[in-house]
Amino acid sequence: MNIGIFTDTYYPQVSGVATSIKTLKEQLESQGHHVYIFTTTDPKVASDEYEKIYLDLPASHLFHLLIVELLFAV
């Protein structure tokens, strides 16, 4: 199953939410699911600590279409 998780905090940020979401992602992947995390960056954390996947969205109405294509391979 393709699963998308949207959050405003994620690893390498240090918080209970970030840790819980990272653990959830790892557990779902260990069960064979494909998990995609959609988050923002923390300006206090070096950018080289993040996984590098960037999406530039030219218009907000395209965001929904992009998410559908990513999650459901339309």
Protein backbone atom coordinates (compact mmCIF):
# COMPACT_ATOMS: atom_id res chain seq x y z
CA MET A 1 0.00 0.00 0.00
CA ASN A 2 1.19 3.56 -0.70
CA ILE A 3 0.88 5.75 2.40
CA GLY A 4 1.42 9.52 2.61
CA ILE A 5 2.06 11.20 5.96
CA PHE A 6 1.88 15.00 6.17
CA THR A 7 3.62 16.64 9.12
CA ASP A 8 5.30 19.89 10.06
CA THR A 9 8.00 18.14 12.08
CA TYR A 10 10.14 15.15 11.13
CA TYR A 11 13.65 13.74 11.57
CA PRO A 12 16.28 15.19 12.00
CA GLN A 13 14.27 17.51 14.24
CA VAL A 14 14.22 16.34 17.84
CA SER A 15 10.72 15.96 19.27
CA GLY A 16 8.27 13.29 20.31
CA VAL A 17 6.20 13.85 17.18
CA ALA A 18 9.22 13.50 14.88
CA THR A 19 10.33 10.34 16.65
CA SER A 20 6.83 8.82 16.57
CA ILE A 21 6.37 9.49 12.85
CA LYS A 22 9.82 8.10 12.04
CA THR A 23 9.02 4.94 14.04
CA LEU A 24 5.61 4.62 12.34
CA LYS A 25 7.25 4.96 8.91
CA GLU A 26 9.84 2.28 9.72
CA GLN A 27 7.20 -0.14 11.04
CA LEU A 28 4.93 0.34 8.02
CA GLU A 29 7.88 -0.18 5.66
CA SER A 30 8.88 -3.35 7.53
CA GLN A 31 5.39 -4.66 6.71
CA GLY A 32 5.92 -4.00 3.01
CA HIS A 33 4.20 -0.63 2.61
CA HIS A 34 5.64 2.33 0.67
CA VAL A 35 5.62 5.39 2.93
CA TYR A 36 6.09 8.97 1.74
CA ILE A 37 6.69 11.76 4.25
CA PHE A 38 5.66 15.29 3.25
CA THR A 39 7.15 17.91 5.55
CA THR A 40 8.87 21.26 5.77
CA THR A 41 12.50 21.90 6.61
CA ASP A 42 13.80 23.35 9.85
CA PRO A 43 16.14 26.31 9.23
CA LYS A 44 18.10 25.33 12.35
CA VAL A 45 19.05 21.94 10.88
CA ALA A 46 21.74 21.59 8.21
CA SER A 47 20.14 20.78 4.86
CA ASP A 48 22.51 17.86 4.22
CA GLU A 49 20.82 15.92 7.05
CA TYR A 50 17.54 15.65 5.11
CA GLU A 51 16.72 13.09 2.45
CA LYS A 52 16.86 14.95 -0.86
CA ILE A 53 13.58 14.88 -2.71
CA TYR A 54 12.31 18.29 -3.77
CA LEU A 55 8.98 19.09 -5.36
CA ASP A 56 8.47 22.52 -6.90
CA LEU A 57 4.79 23.18 -7.37
CA PRO A 58 4.03 25.92 -9.90
CA ALA A 59 0.39 26.24 -8.84
CA SER A 60 -1.52 25.09 -5.78
CA HIS A 61 -4.26 23.38 -7.84
CA LEU A 62 -1.60 21.05 -9.26
CA PHE A 63 -0.61 19.89 -5.76
CA HIS A 64 -3.63 17.62 -5.47
CA LEU A 65 -2.93 16.05 -8.86
CA LEU A 66 0.72 15.50 -7.96
CA ILE A 67 -0.15 13.80 -4.67
CA VAL A 68 -2.67 11.51 -6.39
CA GLU A 69 -0.06 10.53 -8.99
CA LEU A 70 2.64 9.91 -6.38
CA LEU A 71 0.49 7.87 -4.03
CA PHE A 72 -1.61 5.91 -6.47
CA ALA A 73 0.65 5.73 -9.54
CA VAL A 74 -2.11 7.08 -11.79
